[in-house]
Amino acid sequence: MIGITGAIKILHNPIEQYLSYKLFFNVSWSEEQVRAALNFGYKEAIGKGFYHGTYEFTYLGETVYVALDNGVFKTGYGVYHYTIEELKALLC
């Protein structure tokens, strides 16, 4: 039988691999800052006639992306990579 420590060790490498290519907003940003960034990027993209694909912009000095499909917001993300330790802290 494997204990929780053993399970964490087994899962550690695949999680690190996953985190290495997934992008998130900066861990220090508040939920309000994330919403404001997405709103800002969406409005900027539409204002520049960008309606489809991934639009890159800068907000609070950081690169952020919003994805649009025919002018409809689909998703948004920053360029921050969580570490395994930060993920553990969020989950515990």
PDB file of N, CA and C in Angstrom:
ATOM      1  N   MET A   1       0.839  -1.180   0.000  1.00  0.00           N
ATOM      2  CA  MET A   1       0.000   0.000   0.000  1.00  0.00           C
ATOM      3  C   MET A   1       0.882   1.241   0.000  1.00  0.00           C
ATOM      4  N   ILE A   2       0.459   2.233  -0.775  1.00  0.00           N
ATOM      5  CA  ILE A   2       1.216   3.481  -0.890  1.00  0.00           C
ATOM      6  C   ILE A   2       0.559   4.533  -0.005  1.00  0.00           C
ATOM      7  N   GLY A   3       1.352   5.230   0.765  1.00  0.00           N
ATOM      8  CA  GLY A   3       0.830   6.314   1.601  1.00  0.00           C
ATOM      9  C   GLY A   3       0.743   7.604   0.807  1.00  0.00           C
ATOM     10  N   ILE A   4       0.257   8.644   1.428  1.00  0.00           N
ATOM     11  CA  ILE A   4       0.109   9.937   0.772  1.00  0.00           C
ATOM     12  C   ILE A   4       1.451  10.486   0.320  1.00  0.00           C
ATOM     13  N   THR A   5       2.499  10.303   1.106  1.00  0.00           N
ATOM     14  CA  THR A   5       3.828  10.782   0.725  1.00  0.00           C
ATOM     15  C   THR A   5       4.316  10.066  -0.522  1.00  0.00           C
ATOM     16  N   GLY A   6       4.111   8.757  -0.571  1.00  0.00           N
ATOM     17  CA  GLY A   6       4.499   7.996  -1.763  1.00  0.00           C
ATOM     18  C   GLY A   6       3.719   8.419  -2.985  1.00  0.00           C
ATOM     19  N   ALA A   7       2.437   8.662  -2.816  1.00  0.00           N
ATOM     20  CA  ALA A   7       1.598   9.099  -3.932  1.00  0.00           C
ATOM     21  C   ALA A   7       2.056  10.451  -4.459  1.00  0.00           C
ATOM     22  N   ILE A   8       2.399  11.357  -3.548  1.00  0.00           N
ATOM     23  CA  ILE A   8       2.876  12.678  -3.967  1.00  0.00           C
ATOM     24  C   ILE A   8       4.182  12.541  -4.746  1.00  0.00           C
ATOM     25  N   LYS A   9       5.080  11.669  -4.283  1.00  0.00           N
ATOM     26  CA  LYS A   9       6.349  11.471  -5.000  1.00  0.00           C
ATOM     27  C   LYS A   9       6.107  10.905  -6.389  1.00  0.00           C
ATOM     28  N   ILE A  10       5.193   9.951  -6.512  1.00  0.00           N
ATOM     29  CA  ILE A  10       4.891   9.351  -7.823  1.00  0.00           C
ATOM     30  C   ILE A  10       4.293  10.388  -8.763  1.00  0.00           C
ATOM     31  N   LEU A  11       3.411  11.237  -8.249  1.00  0.00           N
ATOM     32  CA  LEU A  11       2.727  12.232  -9.073  1.00  0.00           C
ATOM     33  C   LEU A  11       3.566  13.480  -9.335  1.00  0.00           C
ATOM     34  N   HIS A  12       4.585  13.684  -8.550  1.00  0.00           N
ATOM     35  CA  HIS A  12       5.386  14.909  -8.611  1.00  0.00           C
ATOM     36  C   HIS A  12       5.913  15.196 -10.020  1.00  0.00           C
ATOM     37  N   ASN A  13       6.564  14.242 -10.669  1.00  0.00           N
ATOM     38  CA  ASN A  13       7.152  14.490 -11.976  1.00  0.00           C
ATOM     39  C   ASN A  13       6.113  14.798 -13.050  1.00  0.00           C
ATOM     40  N   PRO A  14       5.038  14.010 -13.193  1.00  0.00           N
ATOM     41  CA  PRO A  14       4.042  14.363 -14.212  1.00  0.00           C
ATOM     42  C   PRO A  14       3.409  15.738 -13.962  1.00  0.00           C
ATOM     43  N   ILE A  15       3.201  16.089 -12.715  1.00  0.00           N
ATOM     44  CA  ILE A  15       2.631  17.402 -12.406  1.00  0.00           C
ATOM     45  C   ILE A  15       3.607  18.498 -12.794  1.00  0.00           C
ATOM     46  N   GLU A  16       4.881  18.314 -12.482  1.00  0.00           N
ATOM     47  CA  GLU A  16       5.885  19.310 -12.880  1.00  0.00           C
ATOM     48  C   GLU A  16       5.924  19.462 -14.395  1.00  0.00           C
ATOM     49  N   GLN A  17       5.835  18.350 -15.116  1.00  0.00           N
ATOM     50  CA  GLN A  17       5.825  18.414 -16.584  1.00  0.00           C
ATOM     51  C   GLN A  17       4.612  19.199 -17.078  1.00  0.00           C
ATOM     52  N   TYR A  18       3.457  18.915 -16.510  1.00  0.00           N
ATOM     53  CA  TYR A  18       2.235  19.619 -16.877  1.00  0.00           C
ATOM     54  C   TYR A  18       2.371  21.114 -16.604  1.00  0.00           C
ATOM     55  N   LEU A  19       2.864  21.467 -15.422  1.00  0.00           N
ATOM     56  CA  LEU A  19       3.013  22.871 -15.063  1.00  0.00           C
ATOM     57  C   LEU A  19       4.035  23.591 -15.936  1.00  0.00           C
ATOM     58  N   SER A  20       4.982  22.870 -16.487  1.00  0.00           N
ATOM     59  CA  SER A  20       6.028  23.502 -17.288  1.00  0.00           C
ATOM     60  C   SER A  20       5.508  24.065 -18.609  1.00  0.00           C
ATOM     61  N   TYR A  21       4.373  23.583 -19.090  1.00  0.00           N
ATOM     62  CA  TYR A  21       3.850  24.116 -20.343  1.00  0.00           C
ATOM     63  C   TYR A  21       2.485  24.805 -20.202  1.00  0.00           C
ATOM     64  N   LYS A  22       1.928  24.823 -19.012  1.00  0.00           N
ATOM     65  CA  LYS A  22       0.662  25.514 -18.783  1.00  0.00           C
ATOM     66  C   LYS A  22       0.943  26.931 -18.293  1.00  0.00           C
ATOM     67  N   LEU A  23       0.211  27.880 -18.828  1.00  0.00           N
ATOM     68  CA  LEU A  23       0.392  29.276 -18.462  1.00  0.00           C
ATOM     69  C   LEU A  23      -0.787  29.762 -17.634  1.00  0.00           C
ATOM     70  N   PHE A  24      -0.475  30.593 -16.644  1.00  0.00           N
ATOM     71  CA  PHE A  24      -1.484  31.102 -15.723  1.00  0.00           C
ATOM     72  C   PHE A  24      -1.246  32.593 -15.495  1.00  0.00           C
ATOM     73  N   PHE A  25      -2.169  33.222 -14.793  1.00  0.00           N
ATOM     74  CA  PHE A  25      -1.939  34.590 -14.358  1.00  0.00           C
ATOM     75  C   PHE A  25      -0.958  34.569 -13.194  1.00  0.00           C
ATOM     76  N   ASN A  26      -0.305  35.696 -13.000  1.00  0.00           N
ATOM     77  CA  ASN A  26       0.645  35.828 -11.904  1.00  0.00           C
ATOM     78  C   ASN A  26      -0.028  35.459 -10.585  1.00  0.00           C
ATOM     79  N   VAL A  27       0.625  34.634  -9.817  1.00  0.00           N
ATOM     80  CA  VAL A  27       0.088  34.151  -8.541  1.00  0.00           C
ATOM     81  C   VAL A  27      -0.220  35.292  -7.577  1.00  0.00           C
ATOM     82  N   SER A  28       0.452  36.423  -7.730  1.00  0.00           N
ATOM     83  CA  SER A  28       0.233  37.540  -6.807  1.00  0.00           C
ATOM     84  C   SER A  28      -0.953  38.414  -7.211  1.00  0.00           C
ATOM     85  N   TRP A  29      -1.533  38.188  -8.391  1.00  0.00           N
ATOM     86  CA  TRP A  29      -2.682  38.984  -8.830  1.00  0.00           C
ATOM     87  C   TRP A  29      -3.941  38.559  -8.080  1.00  0.00           C
ATOM     88  N   SER A  30      -4.755  39.536  -7.746  1.00  0.00           N
ATOM     89  CA  SER A  30      -6.048  39.257  -7.119  1.00  0.00           C
ATOM     90  C   SER A  30      -7.046  38.845  -8.204  1.00  0.00           C
ATOM     91  N   GLU A  31      -8.162  38.310  -7.767  1.00  0.00           N
ATOM     92  CA  GLU A  31      -9.213  37.936  -8.711  1.00  0.00           C
ATOM     93  C   GLU A  31      -9.702  39.174  -9.480  1.00  0.00           C
ATOM     94  N   GLU A  32      -9.767  40.296  -8.801  1.00  0.00           N
ATOM     95  CA  GLU A  32     -10.192  41.541  -9.444  1.00  0.00           C
ATOM     96  C   GLU A  32      -9.189  41.984 -10.513  1.00  0.00           C
ATOM     97  N   GLN A  33      -7.899  41.835 -10.240  1.00  0.00           N
ATOM     98  CA  GLN A  33      -6.881  42.197 -11.230  1.00  0.00           C
ATOM     99  C   GLN A  33      -6.973  41.290 -12.460  1.00  0.00           C
ATOM    100  N   VAL A  34      -7.240  40.022 -12.249  1.00  0.00           N
ATOM    101  CA  VAL A  34      -7.392  39.098 -13.373  1.00  0.00           C
ATOM    102  C   VAL A  34      -8.584  39.514 -14.227  1.00  0.00           C
ATOM    103  N   ARG A  35      -9.713  39.779 -13.577  1.00  0.00           N
ATOM    104  CA  ARG A  35     -10.915  40.210 -14.319  1.00  0.00           C
ATOM    105  C   ARG A  35     -10.653  41.505 -15.092  1.00  0.00           C
ATOM    106  N   ALA A  36      -9.980  42.451 -14.435  1.00  0.00           N
ATOM    107  CA  ALA A  36      -9.678  43.730 -15.082  1.00  0.00           C
ATOM    108  C   ALA A  36      -8.768  43.530 -16.287  1.00  0.00           C
ATOM    109  N   ALA A  37      -7.792  42.642 -16.166  1.00  0.00           N
ATOM    110  CA  ALA A  37      -6.880  42.368 -17.275  1.00  0.00           C
ATOM    111  C   ALA A  37      -7.638  41.764 -18.456  1.00  0.00           C
ATOM    112  N   LEU A  38      -8.509  40.807 -18.176  1.00  0.00           N
ATOM    113  CA  LEU A  38      -9.284  40.174 -19.248  1.00  0.00           C
ATOM    114  C   LEU A  38     -10.212  41.181 -19.924  1.00  0.00           C
ATOM    115  N   ASN A  39     -10.850  42.016 -19.139  1.00  0.00           N
ATOM    116  CA  ASN A  39     -11.737  43.039 -19.685  1.00  0.00           C
ATOM    117  C   ASN A  39     -10.962  44.030 -20.547  1.00  0.00           C
ATOM    118  N   PHE A  40      -9.813  44.465 -20.032  1.00  0.00           N
ATOM    119  CA  PHE A  40      -8.959  45.401 -20.766  1.00  0.00           C
ATOM    120  C   PHE A  40      -8.525  44.798 -22.103  1.00  0.00           C
ATOM    121  N   GLY A  41      -8.033  43.567 -22.063  1.00  0.00           N
ATOM    122  CA  GLY A  41      -7.559  42.918 -23.286  1.00  0.00           C
ATOM    123  C   GLY A  41      -8.653  42.694 -24.298  1.00  0.00           C
ATOM    124  N   TYR A  42      -9.821  42.278 -23.827  1.00  0.00           N
ATOM    125  CA  TYR A  42     -10.948  42.060 -24.726  1.00  0.00           C
ATOM    126  C   TYR A  42     -11.338  43.358 -25.423  1.00  0.00           C
ATOM    127  N   LYS A  43     -11.482  44.427 -24.640  1.00  0.00           N
ATOM    128  CA  LYS A  43     -11.870  45.717 -25.219  1.00  0.00           C
ATOM    129  C   LYS A  43     -10.813  46.241 -26.190  1.00  0.00           C
ATOM    130  N   GLU A  44      -9.548  46.055 -25.838  1.00  0.00           N
ATOM    131  CA  GLU A  44      -8.468  46.508 -26.720  1.00  0.00           C
ATOM    132  C   GLU A  44      -8.478  45.726 -28.026  1.00  0.00           C
ATOM    133  N   ALA A  45      -8.645  44.409 -27.934  1.00  0.00           N
ATOM    134  CA  ALA A  45      -8.667  43.570 -29.140  1.00  0.00           C
ATOM    135  C   ALA A  45      -9.805  43.973 -30.067  1.00  0.00           C
ATOM    136  N   ILE A  46     -11.006  44.073 -29.517  1.00  0.00           N
ATOM    137  CA  ILE A  46     -12.170  44.442 -30.325  1.00  0.00           C
ATOM    138  C   ILE A  46     -11.991  45.841 -30.906  1.00  0.00           C
ATOM    139  N   GLY A  47     -11.453  46.752 -30.107  1.00  0.00           N
ATOM    140  CA  GLY A  47     -11.208  48.115 -30.567  1.00  0.00           C
ATOM    141  C   GLY A  47     -10.235  48.199 -31.727  1.00  0.00           C
ATOM    142  N   LYS A  48      -9.355  47.228 -31.818  1.00  0.00           N
ATOM    143  CA  LYS A  48      -8.382  47.190 -32.916  1.00  0.00           C
ATOM    144  C   LYS A  48      -8.838  46.291 -34.053  1.00  0.00           C
ATOM    145  N   GLY A  49     -10.100  45.844 -33.988  1.00  0.00           N
ATOM    146  CA  GLY A  49     -10.646  45.021 -35.061  1.00  0.00           C
ATOM    147  C   GLY A  49     -10.215  43.571 -35.015  1.00  0.00           C
ATOM    148  N   PHE A  50      -9.775  43.106 -33.863  1.00  0.00           N
ATOM    149  CA  PHE A  50      -9.327  41.714 -33.708  1.00  0.00           C
ATOM    150  C   PHE A  50     -10.489  40.902 -33.152  1.00  0.00           C
ATOM    151  N   TYR A  51     -10.971  39.917 -33.922  1.00  0.00           N
ATOM    152  CA  TYR A  51     -12.161  39.168 -33.523  1.00  0.00           C
ATOM    153  C   TYR A  51     -11.953  37.659 -33.421  1.00  0.00           C
ATOM    154  N   HIS A  52     -10.829  37.166 -33.914  1.00  0.00           N
ATOM    155  CA  HIS A  52     -10.636  35.719 -33.926  1.00  0.00           C
ATOM    156  C   HIS A  52      -9.160  35.377 -33.677  1.00  0.00           C
ATOM    157  N   GLY A  53      -8.937  34.444 -32.762  1.00  0.00           N
ATOM    158  CA  GLY A  53      -7.578  34.001 -32.470  1.00  0.00           C
ATOM    159  C   GLY A  53      -7.131  34.469 -31.096  1.00  0.00           C
ATOM    160  N   THR A  54      -5.829  34.450 -30.891  1.00  0.00           N
ATOM    161  CA  THR A  54      -5.254  34.816 -29.598  1.00  0.00           C
ATOM    162  C   THR A  54      -4.607  36.188 -29.704  1.00  0.00           C
ATOM    163  N   TYR A  55      -5.044  37.098 -28.869  1.00  0.00           N
ATOM    164  CA  TYR A  55      -4.564  38.472 -28.860  1.00  0.00           C
ATOM    165  C   TYR A  55      -3.635  38.675 -27.670  1.00  0.00           C
ATOM    166  N   GLU A  56      -2.463  39.217 -27.928  1.00  0.00           N
ATOM    167  CA  GLU A  56      -1.460  39.470 -26.885  1.00  0.00           C
ATOM    168  C   GLU A  56      -1.441  40.947 -26.527  1.00  0.00           C
ATOM    169  N   PHE A  57      -1.366  41.245 -25.219  1.00  0.00           N
ATOM    170  CA  PHE A  57      -1.286  42.623 -24.767  1.00  0.00           C
ATOM    171  C   PHE A  57      -0.524  42.663 -23.443  1.00  0.00           C
ATOM    172  N   THR A  58      -0.230  43.867 -22.979  1.00  0.00           N
ATOM    173  CA  THR A  58       0.473  44.047 -21.709  1.00  0.00           C
ATOM    174  C   THR A  58      -0.464  44.707 -20.715  1.00  0.00           C
ATOM    175  N   TYR A  59      -0.496  44.154 -19.510  1.00  0.00           N
ATOM    176  CA  TYR A  59      -1.321  44.701 -18.434  1.00  0.00           C
ATOM    177  C   TYR A  59      -0.522  44.620 -17.139  1.00  0.00           C
ATOM    178  N   LEU A  60      -0.441  45.728 -16.433  1.00  0.00           N
ATOM    179  CA  LEU A  60       0.358  45.816 -15.205  1.00  0.00           C
ATOM    180  C   LEU A  60       1.779  45.301 -15.429  1.00  0.00           C
ATOM    181  N   GLY A  61       2.321  45.592 -16.613  1.00  0.00           N
ATOM    182  CA  GLY A  61       3.686  45.217 -16.945  1.00  0.00           C
ATOM    183  C   GLY A  61       3.889  43.765 -17.320  1.00  0.00           C
ATOM    184  N   GLU A  62       2.802  42.995 -17.443  1.00  0.00           N
ATOM    185  CA  GLU A  62       2.922  41.570 -17.770  1.00  0.00           C
ATOM    186  C   GLU A  62       2.213  41.244 -19.068  1.00  0.00           C
ATOM    187  N   THR A  63       2.727  40.271 -19.775  1.00  0.00           N
ATOM    188  CA  THR A  63       2.102  39.796 -21.006  1.00  0.00           C
ATOM    189  C   THR A  63       0.888  38.947 -20.655  1.00  0.00           C
ATOM    190  N   VAL A  64      -0.215  39.234 -21.329  1.00  0.00           N
ATOM    191  CA  VAL A  64      -1.466  38.514 -21.123  1.00  0.00           C
ATOM    192  C   VAL A  64      -2.041  38.183 -22.492  1.00  0.00           C
ATOM    193  N   TYR A  65      -2.785  37.100 -22.571  1.00  0.00           N
ATOM    194  CA  TYR A  65      -3.433  36.681 -23.805  1.00  0.00           C
ATOM    195  C   TYR A  65      -4.928  36.512 -23.583  1.00  0.00           C
ATOM    196  N   VAL A  66      -5.718  36.916 -24.571  1.00  0.00           N
ATOM    197  CA  VAL A  66      -7.139  36.584 -24.599  1.00  0.00           C
ATOM    198  C   VAL A  66      -7.415  35.894 -25.924  1.00  0.00           C
ATOM    199  N   ALA A  67      -8.242  34.865 -25.877  1.00  0.00           N
ATOM    200  CA  ALA A  67      -8.625  34.144 -27.090  1.00  0.00           C
ATOM    201  C   ALA A  67     -10.064  34.494 -27.425  1.00  0.00           C
ATOM    202  N   LEU A  68     -10.288  34.850 -28.692  1.00  0.00           N
ATOM    203  CA  LEU A  68     -11.608  35.231 -29.168  1.00  0.00           C
ATOM    204  C   LEU A  68     -12.011  34.344 -30.342  1.00  0.00           C
ATOM    205  N   ASP A  69     -13.309  34.133 -30.462  1.00  0.00           N
ATOM    206  CA  ASP A  69     -13.863  33.395 -31.602  1.00  0.00           C
ATOM    207  C   ASP A  69     -15.046  34.198 -32.117  1.00  0.00           C
ATOM    208  N   ASN A  70     -14.849  34.825 -33.270  1.00  0.00           N
ATOM    209  CA  ASN A  70     -15.871  35.707 -33.851  1.00  0.00           C
ATOM    210  C   ASN A  70     -16.328  36.779 -32.867  1.00  0.00           C
ATOM    211  N   GLY A  71     -15.370  37.355 -32.147  1.00  0.00           N
ATOM    212  CA  GLY A  71     -15.648  38.429 -31.208  1.00  0.00           C
ATOM    213  C   GLY A  71     -16.153  37.984 -29.850  1.00  0.00           C
ATOM    214  N   VAL A  72     -16.268  36.677 -29.641  1.00  0.00           N
ATOM    215  CA  VAL A  72     -16.727  36.144 -28.362  1.00  0.00           C
ATOM    216  C   VAL A  72     -15.514  35.705 -27.546  1.00  0.00           C
ATOM    217  N   PHE A  73     -15.441  36.201 -26.319  1.00  0.00           N
ATOM    218  CA  PHE A  73     -14.341  35.828 -25.429  1.00  0.00           C
ATOM    219  C   PHE A  73     -14.409  34.335 -25.130  1.00  0.00           C
ATOM    220  N   LYS A  74     -13.264  33.637 -25.243  1.00  0.00           N
ATOM    221  CA  LYS A  74     -13.198  32.204 -24.941  1.00  0.00           C
ATOM    222  C   LYS A  74     -12.361  31.898 -23.710  1.00  0.00           C
ATOM    223  N   THR A  75     -11.188  32.496 -23.600  1.00  0.00           N
ATOM    224  CA  THR A  75     -10.314  32.260 -22.454  1.00  0.00           C
ATOM    225  C   THR A  75      -9.248  33.347 -22.386  1.00  0.00           C
ATOM    226  N   GLY A  76      -8.534  33.367 -21.287  1.00  0.00           N
ATOM    227  CA  GLY A  76      -7.427  34.295 -21.123  1.00  0.00           C
ATOM    228  C   GLY A  76      -6.421  33.718 -20.155  1.00  0.00           C
ATOM    229  N   TYR A  77      -5.176  34.130 -20.299  1.00  0.00           N
ATOM    230  CA  TYR A  77      -4.119  33.614 -19.429  1.00  0.00           C
ATOM    231  C   TYR A  77      -2.893  34.515 -19.508  1.00  0.00           C
ATOM    232  N   GLY A  78      -2.049  34.398 -18.509  1.00  0.00           N
ATOM    233  CA  GLY A  78      -0.794  35.141 -18.478  1.00  0.00           C
ATOM    234  C   GLY A  78       0.352  34.236 -18.893  1.00  0.00           C
ATOM    235  N   VAL A  79       1.543  34.607 -18.481  1.00  0.00           N
ATOM    236  CA  VAL A  79       2.730  33.820 -18.842  1.00  0.00           C
ATOM    237  C   VAL A  79       3.412  33.230 -17.611  1.00  0.00           C
ATOM    238  N   TYR A  80       2.658  33.136 -16.535  1.00  0.00           N
ATOM    239  CA  TYR A  80       3.216  32.648 -15.281  1.00  0.00           C
ATOM    240  C   TYR A  80       3.157  31.124 -15.227  1.00  0.00           C
ATOM    241  N   HIS A  81       4.244  30.513 -14.783  1.00  0.00           N
ATOM    242  CA  HIS A  81       4.308  29.062 -14.571  1.00  0.00           C
ATOM    243  C   HIS A  81       4.323  28.795 -13.064  1.00  0.00           C
ATOM    244  N   TYR A  82       3.306  28.079 -12.588  1.00  0.00           N
ATOM    245  CA  TYR A  82       3.299  27.690 -11.178  1.00  0.00           C
ATOM    246  C   TYR A  82       4.362  26.640 -10.912  1.00  0.00           C
ATOM    247  N   THR A  83       4.937  26.694  -9.743  1.00  0.00           N
ATOM    248  CA  THR A  83       5.832  25.629  -9.297  1.00  0.00           C
ATOM    249  C   THR A  83       4.990  24.591  -8.567  1.00  0.00           C
ATOM    250  N   ILE A  84       5.534  23.426  -8.375  1.00  0.00           N
ATOM    251  CA  ILE A  84       4.833  22.370  -7.633  1.00  0.00           C
ATOM    252  C   ILE A  84       4.552  22.831  -6.210  1.00  0.00           C
ATOM    253  N   GLU A  85       5.455  23.598  -5.632  1.00  0.00           N
ATOM    254  CA  GLU A  85       5.261  24.085  -4.271  1.00  0.00           C
ATOM    255  C   GLU A  85       4.092  25.068  -4.196  1.00  0.00           C
ATOM    256  N   GLU A  86       3.971  25.964  -5.203  1.00  0.00           N
ATOM    257  CA  GLU A  86       2.865  26.909  -5.225  1.00  0.00           C
ATOM    258  C   GLU A  86       1.536  26.186  -5.407  1.00  0.00           C
ATOM    259  N   LEU A  87       1.526  25.162  -6.243  1.00  0.00           N
ATOM    260  CA  LEU A  87       0.313  24.377  -6.439  1.00  0.00           C
ATOM    261  C   LEU A  87      -0.107  23.666  -5.162  1.00  0.00           C
ATOM    262  N   LYS A  88       0.872  23.098  -4.467  1.00  0.00           N
ATOM    263  CA  LYS A  88       0.571  22.434  -3.192  1.00  0.00           C
ATOM    264  C   LYS A  88      -0.015  23.421  -2.193  1.00  0.00           C
ATOM    265  N   ALA A  89       0.535  24.631  -2.135  1.00  0.00           N
ATOM    266  CA  ALA A  89       0.050  25.656  -1.213  1.00  0.00           C
ATOM    267  C   ALA A  89      -1.385  26.066  -1.545  1.00  0.00           C
ATOM    268  N   LEU A  90      -1.710  26.120  -2.824  1.00  0.00           N
ATOM    269  CA  LEU A  90      -3.066  26.470  -3.232  1.00  0.00           C
ATOM    270  C   LEU A  90      -4.075  25.384  -2.865  1.00  0.00           C
ATOM    271  N   LEU A  91      -3.639  24.143  -2.906  1.00  0.00           N
ATOM    272  CA  LEU A  91      -4.531  23.010  -2.677  1.00  0.00           C
ATOM    273  C   LEU A  91      -4.667  22.628  -1.211  1.00  0.00           C
ATOM    274  N   CYS A  92      -3.742  23.065  -0.387  1.00  0.00           N
ATOM    275  CA  CYS A  92      -3.786  22.682   1.041  1.00  0.00           C
ATOM    276  C   CYS A  92      -4.378  23.751   1.908  1.00  0.00           C
TER     277      CYS A  92
END
